[in-house]
Amino acid sequence: MGRKLVLFGFWLLGYSLGFFAWLVRTPVIAWIMTMGISSDVAGAMITGLASSIIMVAGVIMWSFLSRV
């Protein structure tokens, strides 16, 4: 698999996850705020979770593709 295709895959994964997170952010932030956490911290938690998912998926894909 070419480097450009892998980079495009990472971009597409990140874009899709970010787009989905934007759509569901209001109810998720409201749910997190019921635990007594401010909206700023809730937004930071969502961003951190999305970023960590992208990084883990990227490492898994990279590991899998390097074996091929």
Protein backbone atom coordinates (compact mmCIF):
# COMPACT_ATOMS: atom_id res chain seq x y z
CA MET A 1 0.00 0.00 0.00
CA GLY A 2 1.42 3.36 -0.98
CA ARG A 3 2.35 6.10 1.44
CA LYS A 4 -0.13 8.54 -0.10
CA LEU A 5 -2.97 6.06 0.29
CA VAL A 6 -2.08 5.45 3.95
CA LEU A 7 -1.92 9.20 4.64
CA PHE A 8 -5.26 9.65 2.91
CA GLY A 9 -6.71 6.88 5.08
CA PHE A 10 -5.47 8.59 8.27
CA TRP A 11 -6.90 11.90 7.08
CA LEU A 12 -10.24 10.32 6.22
CA LEU A 13 -10.44 8.55 9.59
CA GLY A 14 -9.65 11.75 11.46
CA TYR A 15 -12.09 13.80 9.41
CA SER A 16 -14.89 11.28 9.87
CA LEU A 17 -14.37 11.03 13.61
CA GLY A 18 -14.18 14.81 13.98
CA PHE A 19 -17.34 15.27 11.91
CA PHE A 20 -19.20 12.71 14.02
CA ALA A 21 -17.92 14.26 17.25
CA TRP A 22 -19.15 17.69 16.12
CA LEU A 23 -22.63 16.29 15.50
CA VAL A 24 -22.94 14.60 18.90
CA ARG A 25 -21.00 17.10 21.02
CA THR A 26 -23.99 18.90 22.57
CA PRO A 27 -25.70 15.84 24.10
CA VAL A 28 -22.36 14.33 25.14
CA ILE A 29 -21.23 17.55 26.83
CA ALA A 30 -24.61 17.81 28.56
CA TRP A 31 -24.28 14.22 29.79
CA ILE A 32 -20.73 14.79 31.07
CA MET A 33 -21.87 17.99 32.82
CA THR A 34 -24.40 15.96 34.85
CA MET A 35 -21.36 14.50 36.62
CA GLY A 36 -20.41 17.97 37.87
CA ILE A 37 -17.77 18.72 35.23
CA SER A 38 -17.69 22.09 33.46
CA SER A 39 -18.44 22.36 29.75
CA ASP A 40 -14.84 23.37 28.98
CA VAL A 41 -13.44 20.26 30.65
CA ALA A 42 -16.12 18.12 28.98
CA GLY A 43 -15.12 19.49 25.57
CA ALA A 44 -11.47 18.79 26.35
CA MET A 45 -12.36 15.23 27.36
CA ILE A 46 -14.20 14.66 24.07
CA THR A 47 -11.29 16.07 22.08
CA GLY A 48 -8.78 13.93 23.98
CA LEU A 49 -10.87 10.81 23.46
CA ALA A 50 -11.23 11.45 19.73
CA SER A 51 -7.50 12.12 19.38
CA SER A 52 -6.56 8.99 21.28
CA ILE A 53 -8.89 6.87 19.14
CA ILE A 54 -7.26 8.25 15.98
CA MET A 55 -3.76 7.58 17.31
CA VAL A 56 -4.55 4.02 18.42
CA ALA A 57 -6.24 3.24 15.10
CA GLY A 58 -3.26 4.72 13.27
CA VAL A 59 -0.74 2.64 15.18
CA ILE A 60 -2.80 -0.52 14.69
CA MET A 61 -3.12 0.14 10.96
CA TRP A 62 0.59 0.94 10.67
CA SER A 63 1.51 -2.21 12.57
CA PHE A 64 -0.78 -4.32 10.40
CA LEU A 65 0.43 -2.79 7.13
CA SER A 66 4.10 -3.16 8.04
CA ARG A 67 3.64 -6.94 8.27
CA VAL A 68 2.23 -7.19 4.77
